Amino acid sequence: MTPAAAAAKPDRLPTVTVDRTIALIGLMGVGKSTVGRRLARRLGVPFADGDTEIEEAAGMTVSDIFSLYGEGEFRAGEARVMKRLVEGPPIVLATGGGAVMNAETRSLLKEKALTVWMRADLKVVAERVRRRDTRPLLRGRDPLETLKQMAEVRYPIYAFADVTVEVGAGAHAQAVDAIIRAIAEHQRGAST
């Protein structure tokens, strides 16, 4: 094979062992659900979206839970759903942006899951969330300013993650590849 052909050939991704849940954490709009679905498909494991699971358990939308019962009740239900999902068979789990703010959920994830903090430039994330009016914490607020305030509070908490991956504004497939590489590197480090 010529050097040019070798350079043009895409890198082969390392093998990842999925022996526990892979929990994607990060701010809303960073792509946890979209990337998580693709990651699960690539790894051959089921996918669960925390918000969807909460909606199914409650029989109403996240927005309805917030407006009828408030954020506190939503977070309590979220903690119960996270516990059920993490204690089940290994999956790729897209958590809600605030799920790990609950100390018990964070502890459970640390103990039973491999956590991946998906980070992206806040301007990119703000642009994504502007397109949809389904996020109760952003209603009537400037998305970029709100995300900056959330990042100030949440980033120090998100830092507990086993792996941090900058996902940027690139294609979702690039984010999946970056996560697989980061998990493989983490697993190699844990086995030495």
Protein backbone atom coordinates (compact mmCIF):
# COMPACT_ATOMS: atom_id res chain seq x y z
CA MET A 1 0.00 0.00 0.00
CA THR A 2 1.36 3.41 -0.92
CA PRO A 3 1.88 6.02 1.84
CA ALA A 4 -0.87 8.15 0.29
CA ALA A 5 -3.33 5.22 0.31
CA ALA A 6 -2.42 4.41 3.92
CA ALA A 7 -2.96 8.04 4.92
CA ALA A 8 -6.36 8.14 3.15
CA LYS A 9 -7.56 4.95 4.87
CA PRO A 10 -9.64 5.80 7.94
CA ASP A 11 -8.28 4.84 11.34
CA ARG A 12 -9.58 1.58 12.65
CA LEU A 13 -11.42 2.19 15.90
CA PRO A 14 -10.28 0.33 18.99
CA THR A 15 -12.46 -2.33 20.57
CA VAL A 16 -14.52 -1.30 23.58
CA THR A 17 -15.86 -3.70 26.18
CA VAL A 18 -19.36 -2.86 27.36
CA ASP A 19 -19.58 -4.61 30.72
CA ARG A 20 -21.47 -1.79 32.43
CA THR A 21 -23.67 1.10 31.38
CA ILE A 22 -22.03 3.94 29.49
CA ALA A 23 -23.67 7.12 30.82
CA LEU A 24 -23.37 10.26 28.71
CA ILE A 25 -23.45 13.45 30.79
CA GLY A 26 -23.25 17.11 29.82
CA LEU A 27 -25.32 20.22 29.23
CA MET A 28 -28.60 20.11 27.35
CA GLY A 29 -28.09 20.39 23.60
CA VAL A 30 -24.60 18.89 23.56
CA GLY A 31 -25.93 15.87 21.63
CA LYS A 32 -26.19 13.15 24.28
CA SER A 33 -29.36 11.60 22.83
CA THR A 34 -28.42 11.75 19.15
CA VAL A 35 -24.83 10.64 19.69
CA GLY A 36 -25.94 8.09 22.29
CA ARG A 37 -28.27 6.34 19.83
CA ARG A 38 -25.45 6.04 17.31
CA LEU A 39 -22.94 4.96 19.94
CA ALA A 40 -25.29 2.23 21.18
CA ARG A 41 -25.84 0.98 17.64
CA ARG A 42 -22.09 0.93 17.01
CA LEU A 43 -21.40 -0.95 20.26
CA GLY A 44 -24.34 -3.33 19.80
CA VAL A 45 -26.09 -2.48 23.07
CA PRO A 46 -29.50 -0.96 23.86
CA PHE A 47 -29.94 2.80 24.17
CA ALA A 48 -32.04 4.68 26.73
CA ASP A 49 -32.77 8.39 26.87
CA GLY A 50 -33.28 9.52 30.46
CA ASP A 51 -35.88 12.17 29.58
CA THR A 52 -37.89 9.72 27.45
CA GLU A 53 -37.81 7.16 30.25
CA ILE A 54 -39.01 9.78 32.74
CA GLU A 55 -41.86 10.79 30.41
CA GLU A 56 -42.92 7.15 30.03
CA ALA A 57 -42.79 6.56 33.80
CA ALA A 58 -44.76 9.74 34.55
CA GLY A 59 -47.17 9.51 31.64
CA MET A 60 -46.46 13.14 30.70
CA THR A 61 -43.81 15.29 29.05
CA VAL A 62 -40.84 16.77 30.86
CA SER A 63 -42.33 20.23 30.23
CA ASP A 64 -45.62 19.17 31.82
CA ILE A 65 -43.84 17.71 34.86
CA PHE A 66 -41.94 20.99 35.31
CA SER A 67 -45.04 23.17 34.93
CA LEU A 68 -47.37 21.01 37.08
CA TYR A 69 -44.99 19.82 39.81
CA GLY A 70 -41.82 21.91 39.55
CA GLU A 71 -38.17 21.09 39.06
CA GLY A 72 -37.81 19.44 42.48
CA GLU A 73 -40.39 16.75 41.72
CA PHE A 74 -38.93 16.25 38.25
CA ARG A 75 -35.47 15.69 39.76
CA ALA A 76 -36.85 13.19 42.30
CA GLY A 77 -38.47 11.18 39.49
CA GLU A 78 -35.32 11.50 37.42
CA ALA A 79 -33.23 10.03 40.27
CA ARG A 80 -35.58 7.03 40.53
CA VAL A 81 -35.43 6.41 36.77
CA MET A 82 -31.62 6.76 36.67
CA LYS A 83 -31.32 4.19 39.47
CA ARG A 84 -33.56 1.72 37.64
CA LEU A 85 -31.65 2.13 34.37
CA VAL A 86 -28.15 1.98 35.84
CA GLU A 87 -28.92 -1.08 37.94
CA GLY A 88 -30.19 -2.97 34.87
CA PRO A 89 -28.17 -4.61 32.09
CA PRO A 90 -25.47 -2.52 30.32
CA ILE A 91 -26.81 0.17 27.98
CA VAL A 92 -25.78 3.51 26.55
CA LEU A 93 -27.67 6.06 28.64
CA ALA A 94 -28.20 9.70 27.71
CA THR A 95 -28.77 11.43 31.03
CA GLY A 96 -30.55 14.73 31.43
CA GLY A 97 -28.21 17.69 31.85
CA GLY A 98 -29.08 18.08 35.52
CA ALA A 99 -29.27 14.40 36.47
CA VAL A 100 -25.79 14.28 37.99
CA MET A 101 -26.47 17.30 40.16
CA ASN A 102 -28.20 14.81 42.47
CA ALA A 103 -25.44 13.43 44.72
CA GLU A 104 -27.03 9.98 44.96
CA THR A 105 -27.37 9.69 41.18
CA ARG A 106 -23.79 10.88 40.74
CA SER A 107 -22.54 8.32 43.26
CA LEU A 108 -24.54 5.54 41.60
CA LEU A 109 -23.16 6.45 38.17
CA LYS A 110 -19.62 6.59 39.51
CA GLU A 111 -20.00 3.16 41.09
CA LYS A 112 -21.94 1.28 38.40
CA ALA A 113 -21.41 3.07 35.07
CA LEU A 114 -18.66 4.42 32.89
CA THR A 115 -19.39 8.15 32.64
CA VAL A 116 -18.58 10.21 29.56
CA TRP A 117 -18.76 14.01 29.81
CA MET A 118 -19.63 15.39 26.39
CA ARG A 119 -18.39 18.98 26.13
CA ALA A 120 -18.88 21.48 23.33
CA ASP A 121 -18.40 25.20 22.87
CA LEU A 122 -21.31 26.96 24.55
CA LYS A 123 -22.04 29.03 21.43
CA VAL A 124 -22.51 25.82 19.43
CA VAL A 125 -24.78 24.37 22.11
CA ALA A 126 -26.81 27.60 22.35
CA GLU A 127 -27.36 27.55 18.60
CA ARG A 128 -28.65 23.97 18.80
CA VAL A 129 -31.08 24.61 21.67
CA ARG A 130 -32.48 27.76 20.03
CA ARG A 131 -34.03 25.54 17.35
CA ARG A 132 -36.41 23.77 19.75
CA ASP A 133 -38.73 25.15 22.41
CA THR A 134 -38.89 21.95 24.45
CA ARG A 135 -36.48 22.83 27.24
CA PRO A 136 -38.25 24.21 30.33
CA LEU A 137 -35.09 25.71 31.84
CA LEU A 138 -34.60 27.90 28.75
CA ARG A 139 -38.13 29.24 28.25
CA GLY A 140 -38.12 33.03 28.04
CA ARG A 141 -34.36 33.23 28.62
CA ASP A 142 -31.30 33.86 26.48
CA PRO A 143 -29.90 30.38 25.75
CA LEU A 144 -26.23 31.39 25.71
CA GLU A 145 -26.44 33.29 29.01
CA THR A 146 -28.42 30.49 30.64
CA LEU A 147 -25.94 27.86 29.42
CA LYS A 148 -23.03 29.95 30.73
CA GLN A 149 -24.69 30.10 34.16
CA MET A 150 -25.37 26.35 34.08
CA ALA A 151 -21.79 25.61 33.01
CA GLU A 152 -20.46 27.61 35.96
CA VAL A 153 -22.41 25.45 38.39
CA ARG A 154 -22.36 22.11 36.56
CA TYR A 155 -18.89 21.85 35.01
CA PRO A 156 -17.16 21.29 38.37
CA ILE A 157 -19.66 18.48 39.02
CA TYR A 158 -19.39 17.00 35.51
CA ALA A 159 -15.62 16.78 36.09
CA PHE A 160 -16.20 13.57 38.11
CA ALA A 161 -16.68 11.75 34.77
CA ASP A 162 -14.38 8.86 33.90
CA VAL A 163 -13.86 10.30 30.41
CA THR A 164 -14.21 13.80 28.94
CA VAL A 165 -14.71 14.22 25.20
CA GLU A 166 -14.82 17.50 23.30
CA VAL A 167 -17.55 16.90 20.73
CA GLY A 168 -17.46 20.27 18.99
CA ALA A 169 -19.64 21.24 16.07
CA GLY A 170 -18.62 18.32 13.84
CA ALA A 171 -20.72 15.44 12.60
CA HIS A 172 -22.30 13.08 15.10
CA ALA A 173 -20.24 10.21 13.65
CA GLN A 174 -17.08 12.10 14.65
CA ALA A 175 -18.38 12.42 18.21
CA VAL A 176 -19.14 8.69 18.33
CA ASP A 177 -15.63 7.87 17.09
CA ALA A 178 -14.07 10.24 19.64
CA ILE A 179 -16.08 8.66 22.47
CA ILE A 180 -15.11 5.13 21.43
CA ARG A 181 -11.42 6.12 21.32
CA ALA A 182 -11.66 7.81 24.74
CA ILE A 183 -13.44 4.84 26.33
CA ALA A 184 -10.91 2.40 24.86
CA GLU A 185 -8.04 4.52 26.21
CA HIS A 186 -9.73 4.65 29.64
CA GLN A 187 -10.24 0.88 29.62
CA ARG A 188 -6.60 0.28 28.66
CA GLY A 189 -5.50 2.54 31.52
CA ALA A 190 -7.80 0.79 33.99
CA SER A 191 -6.44 -2.65 33.07
CA THR A 192 -2.77 -1.76 33.62
